[in-house]
Amino acid sequence: MDRELIFTNARDKSIRLNDNRPFILTKLEGVSAPATSIYSRRAPYQDGRSFSHVTLEPRVIVIEGAFPKDGDRFENRRRLMEVFNPGLKTFGDLQIQMGTLKKKARCIVDSSPVLPETDGPYQRFQVQLFSPDPYLMDVVETLASMTEWEGGVEFPFTWPTVFAVRSSNQTIEIVNDGDVPAPVKIDFYGPATNPKVEKLETGEFIQVNRTLTANEILSIDTSFGNKTVILKNLSTGEETNAFGYLDLSSVFLSLDVGENTLNYTAGETGVETLVEVRYAGRYIGL
């Protein structure tokens, strides 16, 4: 099986398309490199133009397939309509597998499935998806913990013995294997004082000037268009917007392509603080 698609909509309804019945994938467009727009400027009397920057355009993904007319023909038609439902007006996840590579795209159904009347044993169909984000992403986020346990009991053991203790692994190396920088999600588990994460290669940091108690989690998302700083109370489940506690010099940092060294500080309680960094690589295409 060279190619497989799994689309899951906002209602958690999904459909699988590959080389097998009932839903056979016959054609896939829009998952290679997206279109680009090149911006330039020109001064009076200048020969040619001066390059400014390049942006990537949103993706339009076109899926063509077929299913057999015998057996559950009308149930399969209904299944297509149920899953590829533009009336949901929200995002679904398209998982794309080519060989051993798996990536995903966040998509909105652009139009209902088109099922033309055709002769033959198979009913053809076409679906069009729209992805505002031009990048494909890892299916599963990578989790990196900046706190670890040292020592511990080994069996068999003799008394006296030493049990495991939490240590402060305040620096961690993260390799971004994607094609472009990747935003991060950072979780600080209290207690902590003015928690801060710094990218040592650039000196950029993000810091929240607030004290966290042992039953609080501070979650930071640096994604473009979805930048958030949320404080959650584990006892009550209450979530509070903590954007106002950001240090004025903070940067919503991202992981550059290749190696990145992150360091965290959390005041005198730093050893007790658990810090987790999550990210998904972003790719030009498959």
Protein backbone atom coordinates (compact mmCIF):
# COMPACT_ATOMS: atom_id res chain seq x y z
CA MET A 1 0.00 0.00 0.00
CA ASP A 2 1.83 3.08 -1.31
CA ARG A 3 -0.74 5.72 -0.35
CA GLU A 4 -3.43 6.03 2.29
CA LEU A 5 -5.62 8.88 3.51
CA ILE A 6 -7.61 9.05 6.74
CA PHE A 7 -9.87 12.05 7.19
CA THR A 8 -11.42 12.69 10.61
CA ASN A 9 -13.95 15.48 11.00
CA ALA A 10 -14.88 17.57 14.02
CA ARG A 11 -17.47 14.99 15.11
CA ASP A 12 -14.76 12.31 15.18
CA LYS A 13 -16.27 10.58 12.14
CA SER A 14 -13.55 9.20 9.87
CA ILE A 15 -13.05 7.55 6.53
CA ARG A 16 -10.09 5.64 5.08
CA LEU A 17 -9.04 5.70 1.41
CA ASN A 18 -6.32 3.47 -0.04
CA ASP A 19 -5.93 0.68 -2.60
CA ASN A 20 -8.61 -1.48 -0.99
CA ARG A 21 -12.40 -1.56 -1.06
CA PRO A 22 -14.71 0.04 -0.32
CA PHE A 23 -13.11 3.48 -0.78
CA ILE A 24 -10.35 3.29 -3.35
CA LEU A 25 -8.01 6.25 -3.75
CA THR A 26 -7.41 6.95 -7.45
CA LYS A 27 -5.90 10.46 -7.48
CA LEU A 28 -4.44 12.91 -4.96
CA GLU A 29 -3.41 16.50 -5.65
CA GLY A 30 -2.19 19.32 -3.45
CA VAL A 31 0.11 17.58 -0.95
CA SER A 32 3.40 18.42 -2.68
CA ALA A 33 5.05 21.85 -2.34
CA PRO A 34 2.44 24.66 -2.12
CA ALA A 35 2.30 27.65 -4.43
CA THR A 36 4.41 30.67 -3.50
CA SER A 37 4.09 34.42 -3.85
CA ILE A 38 7.30 36.41 -4.35
CA TYR A 39 7.32 40.03 -3.20
CA SER A 40 9.74 42.61 -4.53
CA ARG A 41 10.12 46.37 -4.76
CA ARG A 42 11.48 48.78 -7.30
CA ALA A 43 13.03 52.20 -6.84
CA PRO A 44 12.74 54.94 -9.45
CA TYR A 45 15.08 54.31 -12.42
CA GLN A 46 16.15 50.92 -10.94
CA ASP A 47 17.03 48.16 -13.37
CA GLY A 48 15.09 45.08 -12.32
CA ARG A 49 13.68 44.76 -8.83
CA SER A 50 14.90 44.15 -5.25
CA PHE A 51 13.74 40.97 -3.58
CA SER A 52 11.66 41.41 -0.40
CA HIS A 53 10.29 38.05 0.77
CA VAL A 54 8.40 34.87 -0.16
CA THR A 55 5.15 33.60 1.31
CA LEU A 56 3.52 30.20 0.87
CA GLU A 57 -0.09 30.02 -0.26
CA PRO A 58 -2.82 27.91 1.37
CA ARG A 59 -3.32 24.37 0.11
CA VAL A 60 -6.20 23.08 -1.95
CA ILE A 61 -6.22 19.29 -1.68
CA VAL A 62 -8.22 17.37 -4.27
CA ILE A 63 -9.12 13.73 -3.58
CA GLU A 64 -10.55 11.45 -6.25
CA GLY A 65 -11.70 7.92 -5.60
CA ALA A 66 -14.23 5.22 -6.32
CA PHE A 67 -16.32 2.63 -4.53
CA PRO A 68 -18.14 -0.45 -5.88
CA LYS A 69 -21.76 -0.06 -6.91
CA ASP A 70 -22.68 -3.51 -5.70
CA GLY A 71 -23.37 -4.24 -2.04
CA ASP A 72 -23.50 -1.16 0.21
CA ARG A 73 -23.57 1.41 -2.59
CA PHE A 74 -25.98 3.85 -0.96
CA GLU A 75 -24.50 3.36 2.50
CA ASN A 76 -21.10 4.30 1.04
CA ARG A 77 -22.57 7.42 -0.57
CA ARG A 78 -24.07 8.38 2.77
CA ARG A 79 -20.75 7.72 4.53
CA LEU A 80 -18.94 10.13 2.21
CA MET A 81 -21.54 12.83 2.83
CA GLU A 82 -21.42 12.30 6.59
CA VAL A 83 -17.62 12.54 6.91
CA PHE A 84 -16.85 15.16 4.24
CA ASN A 85 -19.47 17.53 5.62
CA PRO A 86 -18.89 21.24 4.82
CA GLY A 87 -21.80 22.10 7.10
CA LEU A 88 -19.61 21.49 10.15
CA LYS A 89 -17.78 24.72 9.24
CA THR A 90 -14.70 23.75 11.24
CA PHE A 91 -11.42 21.90 10.85
CA GLY A 92 -10.80 18.20 10.45
CA ASP A 93 -7.53 16.27 10.27
CA LEU A 94 -6.28 14.67 7.07
CA GLN A 95 -3.63 12.04 7.73
CA ILE A 96 -1.49 11.32 4.67
CA GLN A 97 0.68 8.24 4.34
CA MET A 98 3.08 7.71 1.46
CA GLY A 99 5.23 4.65 1.91
CA THR A 100 6.60 4.85 5.44
CA LEU A 101 6.06 8.63 5.76
CA LYS A 102 3.05 9.95 7.67
CA LYS A 103 2.04 13.60 7.94
CA LYS A 104 -1.18 15.48 8.55
CA ALA A 105 -2.94 18.66 7.46
CA ARG A 106 -5.66 20.68 9.16
CA CYS A 107 -8.42 21.09 6.60
CA ILE A 108 -11.91 22.40 6.02
CA VAL A 109 -14.18 20.64 3.54
CA ASP A 110 -14.45 23.09 0.66
CA SER A 111 -17.44 21.44 -1.02
CA SER A 112 -19.63 18.38 -0.62
CA PRO A 113 -18.50 15.19 -2.40
CA VAL A 114 -19.28 15.18 -6.11
CA LEU A 115 -20.58 11.83 -7.39
CA PRO A 116 -21.18 11.96 -11.16
CA GLU A 117 -23.43 9.40 -12.83
CA THR A 118 -21.17 6.88 -14.57
CA ASP A 119 -21.38 3.49 -16.23
CA GLY A 120 -19.41 0.55 -14.98
CA PRO A 121 -19.09 -1.31 -11.67
CA TYR A 122 -17.61 1.63 -9.70
CA GLN A 123 -19.02 4.97 -8.56
CA ARG A 124 -16.46 7.74 -8.89
CA PHE A 125 -16.31 10.68 -6.46
CA GLN A 126 -14.30 13.85 -5.85
CA VAL A 127 -13.73 15.82 -2.64
CA GLN A 128 -11.95 19.16 -2.27
CA LEU A 129 -10.34 20.29 1.00
CA PHE A 130 -8.93 23.68 1.94
CA SER A 131 -5.94 24.01 4.30
CA PRO A 132 -5.12 27.62 5.31
CA ASP A 133 -1.79 26.43 6.76
CA PRO A 134 0.51 25.52 3.86
CA TYR A 135 2.64 23.17 5.98
CA LEU A 136 2.12 19.49 6.62
CA MET A 137 2.86 18.44 10.20
CA ASP A 138 3.96 15.41 12.16
CA VAL A 139 0.99 13.23 13.07
CA VAL A 140 2.14 12.99 16.71
CA GLU A 141 3.80 15.80 18.64
CA THR A 142 7.27 15.17 20.08
CA LEU A 143 7.48 15.54 23.86
CA ALA A 144 10.70 16.65 25.56
CA SER A 145 10.88 16.80 29.37
CA MET A 146 13.26 19.21 31.06
CA THR A 147 13.09 17.41 34.42
CA GLU A 148 14.27 13.88 35.10
CA TRP A 149 14.72 11.35 37.91
CA GLU A 150 18.15 10.34 39.12
CA GLY A 151 19.21 7.29 41.10
CA GLY A 152 16.65 4.85 42.43
CA VAL A 153 16.25 1.34 43.71
CA GLU A 154 17.87 -1.51 41.81
CA PHE A 155 16.87 -5.11 42.47
CA PRO A 156 18.17 -7.00 44.30
CA PHE A 157 19.10 -4.29 46.82
CA THR A 158 20.55 -4.15 50.31
CA TRP A 159 19.97 -1.66 53.08
CA PRO A 160 20.72 1.16 53.28
CA THR A 161 19.61 2.07 49.74
CA VAL A 162 18.88 5.33 47.92
CA PHE A 163 15.48 5.98 46.35
CA ALA A 164 15.04 8.07 43.20
CA VAL A 165 14.99 11.85 43.49
CA ARG A 166 13.92 14.48 41.00
CA SER A 167 16.81 16.50 39.58
CA SER A 168 16.85 19.70 37.58
CA ASN A 169 17.80 18.91 33.99
CA GLN A 170 17.63 22.59 33.13
CA THR A 171 19.14 22.37 29.64
CA ILE A 172 17.92 20.14 26.85
CA GLU A 173 18.88 19.62 23.20
CA ILE A 174 16.02 19.40 20.70
CA VAL A 175 16.48 18.62 17.01
CA ASN A 176 13.84 19.98 14.64
CA ASP A 177 13.87 17.68 11.59
CA GLY A 178 11.25 19.72 9.76
CA ASP A 179 11.72 22.02 6.78
CA VAL A 180 10.95 25.28 8.62
CA PRO A 181 10.97 26.57 12.23
CA ALA A 182 8.39 24.92 14.49
CA PRO A 183 6.32 26.63 17.21
CA VAL A 184 6.33 25.06 20.67
CA LYS A 185 3.92 24.33 23.50
CA ILE A 186 5.47 24.69 26.96
CA ASP A 187 3.90 23.42 30.19
CA PHE A 188 5.24 24.53 33.60
CA TYR A 189 3.96 22.42 36.49
CA GLY A 190 4.23 24.35 39.76
CA PRO A 191 5.66 25.25 42.13
CA ALA A 192 7.65 27.85 40.21
CA THR A 193 8.64 31.50 40.46
CA ASN A 194 8.80 33.62 37.29
CA PRO A 195 9.19 30.54 35.01
CA LYS A 196 11.37 31.18 31.97
CA VAL A 197 12.56 29.21 28.92
CA GLU A 198 15.48 30.55 26.87
CA LYS A 199 16.83 29.45 23.49
CA LEU A 200 20.57 29.67 24.06
CA GLU A 201 21.55 29.95 20.38
CA THR A 202 19.72 33.26 19.98
CA GLY A 203 19.20 34.50 23.54
CA GLU A 204 15.45 34.72 22.92
CA PHE A 205 13.30 33.82 25.92
CA ILE A 206 9.75 33.72 27.14
CA GLN A 207 9.05 34.44 30.80
CA VAL A 208 5.93 34.80 32.90
CA ASN A 209 6.29 37.05 35.95
CA ARG A 210 4.10 35.13 38.34
CA THR A 211 4.45 32.56 41.13
CA LEU A 212 2.86 29.15 40.48
CA THR A 213 1.59 27.01 43.33
CA ALA A 214 1.96 23.23 43.40
CA ASN A 215 -1.56 22.76 41.97
CA GLU A 216 -1.16 25.10 39.00
CA ILE A 217 -0.02 24.54 35.40
CA LEU A 218 1.13 27.34 33.11
CA SER A 219 0.69 26.48 29.41
CA ILE A 220 2.23 28.55 26.61
CA ASP A 221 1.53 28.09 22.90
CA THR A 222 3.74 30.02 20.43
CA SER A 223 1.84 28.98 17.26
CA PHE A 224 1.28 31.76 14.74
CA GLY A 225 -2.32 32.95 15.00
CA ASN A 226 -2.89 30.95 18.21
CA LYS A 227 -0.49 32.48 20.74
CA THR A 228 -1.82 31.80 24.23
CA VAL A 229 -0.67 31.87 27.87
CA ILE A 230 -3.09 29.93 30.08
CA LEU A 231 -2.96 29.31 33.84
CA LYS A 232 -4.91 26.26 35.01
CA ASN A 233 -5.86 25.39 38.58
CA LEU A 234 -5.71 21.60 38.96
CA SER A 235 -8.02 21.61 41.98
CA THR A 236 -10.91 23.50 40.36
CA GLY A 237 -10.17 23.07 36.65
CA GLU A 238 -10.50 26.84 36.21
CA GLU A 239 -8.45 28.37 33.38
CA THR A 240 -7.25 31.98 33.38
CA ASN A 241 -5.72 34.08 30.62
CA ALA A 242 -2.20 34.86 31.89
CA PHE A 243 -1.09 36.92 28.89
CA GLY A 244 -0.80 39.99 31.10
CA TYR A 245 1.93 38.36 33.20
CA LEU A 246 4.33 38.02 30.25
CA ASP A 247 7.68 39.74 30.69
CA LEU A 248 7.82 42.67 28.28
CA SER A 249 11.02 41.34 26.67
CA SER A 250 9.51 37.92 25.98
CA VAL A 251 9.51 36.42 22.48
CA PHE A 252 7.14 33.68 21.32
CA LEU A 253 10.10 31.55 20.33
CA SER A 254 10.19 28.66 17.86
CA LEU A 255 12.59 25.81 17.17
CA ASP A 256 14.93 26.52 14.28
CA VAL A 257 15.65 23.76 11.76
CA GLY A 258 18.38 21.56 13.25
CA GLU A 259 19.70 21.64 16.81
CA ASN A 260 18.19 23.88 19.49
CA THR A 261 19.33 24.25 23.11
CA LEU A 262 16.65 25.27 25.60
CA ASN A 263 17.28 26.26 29.20
CA TYR A 264 14.71 26.90 31.90
CA THR A 265 14.72 28.67 35.25
CA ALA A 266 11.94 28.76 37.83
CA GLY A 267 13.37 30.48 40.90
CA GLU A 268 14.37 28.63 44.05
CA THR A 269 11.71 25.97 43.41
CA GLY A 270 13.18 25.06 40.02
CA VAL A 271 14.21 21.54 41.02
CA GLU A 272 10.58 20.77 41.93
CA THR A 273 9.23 22.20 38.67
CA LEU A 274 8.33 19.84 35.84
CA VAL A 275 8.73 21.47 32.42
CA GLU A 276 7.50 19.82 29.22
CA VAL A 277 8.08 21.07 25.67
CA ARG A 278 5.97 19.73 22.80
CA TYR A 279 6.33 20.42 19.10
CA ALA A 280 5.41 19.05 15.70
CA GLY A 281 7.75 19.30 12.74
CA ARG A 282 6.43 21.29 9.76
CA TYR A 283 7.10 20.20 6.18
CA ILE A 284 6.79 21.76 2.73
CA GLY A 285 5.16 18.66 1.28
CA LEU A 286 5.29 14.95 0.50
